[in-house]
Each structure stands twice: as C-alpha cells, then as structure tokens.
C-alpha cells in the first residue's frame, strides 16, 4: 500500500505539469478572444482556472524551464498594445500546445508506470517478508 502511494506521489508532478499547460492553453485562447472582442481584466479571467490565478499573481507553480517560461509569459501580458498582445499570444500558442501535448503524453506514460513498479515492489516486499 505504501509503495503504491509512493508511485502515485512520484507521478503527481507530471500530472500537475499536464494540468498547468492545459489550463495555460485554455487561458491563452480566452485572452485572444478577450483582446479581440472584450476587455475584461486578465486577473478576472484567470479566476476561472485553478493554477492560472497563482501564475498571474506571480507564484511559482512549476520548476525549472517551465517555471521560467510561465514567469516570462505573464510578464509580457499587458505590456504592449492589443494588436501586439494578439501577436505575442499567437506566437506562444504553438509552444504551449506542444508542451501541453507532451506533458499529457508523459503523464499518461509515466504515471501508470510508476504505480505499477511500486505496486510490484510492494508485492515483492510482501513475498520476501512472508
């Protein structure tokens, strides 16, 4: 039981990365629509999402290169006029989509692998103790 829990905890970071990039993609699309057809505040738009609120508030949600990308993404929001923002968001869209797909695939692949490995480790320990 504890070994399976360890496998789930190891896969939690991959799940979080997949969720963050999925939300970021949706938020990016929402910002594009908002810039073209509406004028809501980006903080208000981020309230619809679990992680985007924290990202817009400057909190670190992911580590490493992903965290740096999120910081630079948010730093460039609202820095220029609407047409430049639309161009910026369209440029980021491909990068975000690629990372979203990659992180989702990685999560699917490794989460079940971690759980299975640690489950088998638990069974092995039980057999050795018996």
C-alpha atoms as a PDB file:
ATOM      1  CA  UNK A   1       0.000   0.000   0.000  1.00  0.00           C
ATOM      2  CA  UNK A   2       2.720   2.476   0.937  1.00  0.00           C
ATOM      3  CA  UNK A   3       4.759   1.614  -2.127  1.00  0.00           C
ATOM      4  CA  UNK A   4       1.767   2.264  -4.396  1.00  0.00           C
ATOM      5  CA  UNK A   5       1.277   5.594  -2.670  1.00  0.00           C
ATOM      6  CA  UNK A   6       4.923   6.414  -3.402  1.00  0.00           C
ATOM      7  CA  UNK A   7       4.272   5.708  -7.103  1.00  0.00           C
ATOM      8  CA  UNK A   8       1.236   7.992  -7.087  1.00  0.00           C
ATOM      9  CA  UNK A   9       3.227  10.762  -5.391  1.00  0.00           C
ATOM     10  CA  UNK A  10       6.032  10.469  -7.946  1.00  0.00           C
ATOM     11  CA  UNK A  11       3.560  10.868 -10.791  1.00  0.00           C
ATOM     12  CA  UNK A  12       1.868  13.880  -9.134  1.00  0.00           C
ATOM     13  CA  UNK A  13       4.391  16.361 -10.574  1.00  0.00           C
ATOM     14  CA  UNK A  14       3.759  15.065 -14.099  1.00  0.00           C
ATOM     15  CA  UNK A  15       0.018  15.370 -13.524  1.00  0.00           C
ATOM     16  CA  UNK A  16       0.437  18.930 -12.283  1.00  0.00           C
ATOM     17  CA  UNK A  17       2.546  19.906 -15.310  1.00  0.00           C
ATOM     18  CA  UNK A  18      -0.092  18.471 -17.651  1.00  0.00           C
ATOM     19  CA  UNK A  19      -2.860  20.341 -15.820  1.00  0.00           C
ATOM     20  CA  UNK A  20      -0.929  23.635 -15.829  1.00  0.00           C
ATOM     21  CA  UNK A  21      -0.214  23.519 -19.559  1.00  0.00           C
ATOM     22  CA  UNK A  22      -3.790  22.502 -20.289  1.00  0.00           C
ATOM     23  CA  UNK A  23      -5.073  25.484 -18.305  1.00  0.00           C
ATOM     24  CA  UNK A  24      -2.475  27.767 -19.871  1.00  0.00           C
ATOM     25  CA  UNK A  25      -3.618  26.768 -23.355  1.00  0.00           C
ATOM     26  CA  UNK A  26      -7.258  27.476 -22.481  1.00  0.00           C
ATOM     27  CA  UNK A  27      -6.302  30.755 -20.808  1.00  0.00           C
ATOM     28  CA  UNK A  28      -4.265  31.813 -23.843  1.00  0.00           C
ATOM     29  CA  UNK A  29      -7.283  31.150 -26.086  1.00  0.00           C
ATOM     30  CA  UNK A  30      -9.507  33.075 -23.694  1.00  0.00           C
ATOM     31  CA  UNK A  31      -7.107  36.028 -23.716  1.00  0.00           C
ATOM     32  CA  UNK A  32      -7.063  36.054 -27.513  1.00  0.00           C
ATOM     33  CA  UNK A  33     -10.853  36.164 -27.621  1.00  0.00           C
ATOM     34  CA  UNK A  34     -10.925  38.795 -24.913  1.00  0.00           C
ATOM     35  CA  UNK A  35      -8.468  41.039 -26.761  1.00  0.00           C
ATOM     36  CA  UNK A  36     -10.445  40.753 -29.979  1.00  0.00           C
ATOM     37  CA  UNK A  37     -13.994  41.031 -28.651  1.00  0.00           C
ATOM     38  CA  UNK A  38     -13.964  42.083 -24.999  1.00  0.00           C
ATOM     39  CA  UNK A  39     -11.914  43.990 -22.479  1.00  0.00           C
ATOM     40  CA  UNK A  40     -12.019  42.017 -19.229  1.00  0.00           C
ATOM     41  CA  UNK A  41      -9.110  42.176 -16.806  1.00  0.00           C
ATOM     42  CA  UNK A  42      -6.659  39.264 -17.158  1.00  0.00           C
ATOM     43  CA  UNK A  43      -6.780  38.616 -13.399  1.00  0.00           C
ATOM     44  CA  UNK A  44     -10.548  38.288 -13.562  1.00  0.00           C
ATOM     45  CA  UNK A  45     -10.219  35.856 -16.463  1.00  0.00           C
ATOM     46  CA  UNK A  46      -7.678  33.793 -14.515  1.00  0.00           C
ATOM     47  CA  UNK A  47     -10.143  33.219 -11.665  1.00  0.00           C
ATOM     48  CA  UNK A  48     -11.853  30.542 -13.753  1.00  0.00           C
ATOM     49  CA  UNK A  49      -8.765  28.339 -13.517  1.00  0.00           C
ATOM     50  CA  UNK A  50      -7.090  26.515 -10.664  1.00  0.00           C
ATOM     51  CA  UNK A  51      -3.426  27.253 -11.423  1.00  0.00           C
ATOM     52  CA  UNK A  52      -3.723  30.366 -13.580  1.00  0.00           C
ATOM     53  CA  UNK A  53      -4.709  32.525 -10.604  1.00  0.00           C
ATOM     54  CA  UNK A  54      -1.432  31.664  -8.903  1.00  0.00           C
ATOM     55  CA  UNK A  55       0.582  32.116 -12.096  1.00  0.00           C
ATOM     56  CA  UNK A  56      -0.887  35.561 -12.779  1.00  0.00           C
ATOM     57  CA  UNK A  57      -0.244  36.531  -9.144  1.00  0.00           C
ATOM     58  CA  UNK A  58       3.439  35.657  -9.652  1.00  0.00           C
ATOM     59  CA  UNK A  59       3.528  32.460  -7.609  1.00  0.00           C
ATOM     60  CA  UNK A  60       5.806  29.667  -8.747  1.00  0.00           C
ATOM     61  CA  UNK A  61       3.711  26.711  -9.896  1.00  0.00           C
ATOM     62  CA  UNK A  62       6.267  24.714 -11.905  1.00  0.00           C
ATOM     63  CA  UNK A  63      10.016  24.377 -11.535  1.00  0.00           C
ATOM     64  CA  UNK A  64      12.906  24.772 -13.956  1.00  0.00           C
ATOM     65  CA  UNK A  65      12.427  25.857 -17.547  1.00  0.00           C
ATOM     66  CA  UNK A  66       8.648  25.546 -17.273  1.00  0.00           C
ATOM     67  CA  UNK A  67       8.602  27.957 -14.344  1.00  0.00           C
ATOM     68  CA  UNK A  68      10.788  30.441 -16.208  1.00  0.00           C
ATOM     69  CA  UNK A  69       8.518  30.255 -19.246  1.00  0.00           C
ATOM     70  CA  UNK A  70       5.453  30.940 -17.107  1.00  0.00           C
ATOM     71  CA  UNK A  71       7.134  33.956 -15.488  1.00  0.00           C
ATOM     72  CA  UNK A  72       8.126  35.452 -18.833  1.00  0.00           C
ATOM     73  CA  UNK A  73       4.678  34.686 -20.276  1.00  0.00           C
ATOM     74  CA  UNK A  74       2.920  36.590 -17.502  1.00  0.00           C
ATOM     75  CA  UNK A  75       5.486  39.400 -17.517  1.00  0.00           C
ATOM     76  CA  UNK A  76       4.697  40.115 -21.178  1.00  0.00           C
ATOM     77  CA  UNK A  77       0.922  40.168 -20.685  1.00  0.00           C
ATOM     78  CA  UNK A  78      -0.454  43.677 -20.845  1.00  0.00           C
ATOM     79  CA  UNK A  79       2.958  45.168 -21.593  1.00  0.00           C
ATOM     80  CA  UNK A  80       2.034  46.412 -25.084  1.00  0.00           C
ATOM     81  CA  UNK A  81      -0.982  47.437 -27.142  1.00  0.00           C
ATOM     82  CA  UNK A  82      -3.766  44.996 -28.054  1.00  0.00           C
ATOM     83  CA  UNK A  83      -2.537  44.133 -31.559  1.00  0.00           C
ATOM     84  CA  UNK A  84       0.978  43.375 -30.276  1.00  0.00           C
ATOM     85  CA  UNK A  85      -0.546  41.264 -27.488  1.00  0.00           C
ATOM     86  CA  UNK A  86      -2.529  39.271 -30.037  1.00  0.00           C
ATOM     87  CA  UNK A  87       0.668  38.631 -31.996  1.00  0.00           C
ATOM     88  CA  UNK A  88       2.502  37.613 -28.815  1.00  0.00           C
ATOM     89  CA  UNK A  89      -0.277  35.250 -27.717  1.00  0.00           C
ATOM     90  CA  UNK A  90      -0.448  33.662 -31.161  1.00  0.00           C
ATOM     91  CA  UNK A  91       3.324  33.088 -31.092  1.00  0.00           C
ATOM     92  CA  UNK A  92       3.136  31.459 -27.645  1.00  0.00           C
ATOM     93  CA  UNK A  93       0.151  29.327 -28.672  1.00  0.00           C
ATOM     94  CA  UNK A  94       2.214  26.777 -30.633  1.00  0.00           C
ATOM     95  CA  UNK A  95       4.775  26.412 -27.828  1.00  0.00           C
ATOM     96  CA  UNK A  96       2.045  25.982 -25.220  1.00  0.00           C
ATOM     97  CA  UNK A  97       0.174  23.431 -27.341  1.00  0.00           C
ATOM     98  CA  UNK A  98       3.336  21.406 -27.911  1.00  0.00           C
ATOM     99  CA  UNK A  99       4.130  21.379 -24.185  1.00  0.00           C
ATOM    100  CA  UNK A 100       0.518  20.583 -23.333  1.00  0.00           C
ATOM    101  CA  UNK A 101       0.500  17.551 -25.618  1.00  0.00           C
ATOM    102  CA  UNK A 102       3.964  16.455 -24.478  1.00  0.00           C
ATOM    103  CA  UNK A 103       3.167  16.745 -20.778  1.00  0.00           C
ATOM    104  CA  UNK A 104      -0.139  14.907 -21.156  1.00  0.00           C
ATOM    105  CA  UNK A 105       1.577  12.079 -23.024  1.00  0.00           C
ATOM    106  CA  UNK A 106       4.342  11.954 -20.420  1.00  0.00           C
ATOM    107  CA  UNK A 107       1.805  11.871 -17.602  1.00  0.00           C
ATOM    108  CA  UNK A 108      -0.128   9.008 -19.178  1.00  0.00           C
ATOM    109  CA  UNK A 109       3.061   7.078 -19.821  1.00  0.00           C
ATOM    110  CA  UNK A 110       4.868   7.539 -16.535  1.00  0.00           C
ATOM    111  CA  UNK A 111       2.013   7.719 -14.054  1.00  0.00           C
ATOM    112  CA  UNK A 112       0.832   4.206 -14.765  1.00  0.00           C
ATOM    113  CA  UNK A 113       4.432   3.015 -14.958  1.00  0.00           C
ATOM    114  CA  UNK A 114       5.292   4.441 -11.531  1.00  0.00           C
ATOM    115  CA  UNK A 115       2.181   2.975  -9.934  1.00  0.00           C
ATOM    116  CA  UNK A 116       2.821  -0.453 -11.454  1.00  0.00           C
ATOM    117  CA  UNK A 117       6.503  -0.508 -10.499  1.00  0.00           C
ATOM    118  CA  UNK A 118       5.837   0.467  -6.908  1.00  0.00           C
ATOM    119  CA  UNK A 119       2.895  -1.938  -6.673  1.00  0.00           C
ATOM    120  CA  UNK A 120       5.174  -4.748  -7.824  1.00  0.00           C
ATOM    121  CA  UNK A 121       7.799  -3.593  -5.343  1.00  0.00           C
ATOM    122  CA  UNK A 122       5.185  -3.819  -2.578  1.00  0.00           C
ATOM    123  CA  UNK A 123       4.217  -7.324  -3.679  1.00  0.00           C
ATOM    124  CA  UNK A 124       7.889  -8.320  -3.742  1.00  0.00           C
ATOM    125  CA  UNK A 125       8.413  -6.987  -0.227  1.00  0.00           C
ATOM    126  CA  UNK A 126       5.292  -8.845   0.984  1.00  0.00           C
ATOM    127  CA  UNK A 127       6.543 -12.087  -0.577  1.00  0.00           C
ATOM    128  CA  UNK A 128      10.006 -11.686   0.940  1.00  0.00           C
ATOM    129  CA  UNK A 129       8.546 -10.990   4.389  1.00  0.00           C
ATOM    130  CA  UNK A 130       6.164 -13.950   4.246  1.00  0.00           C
END
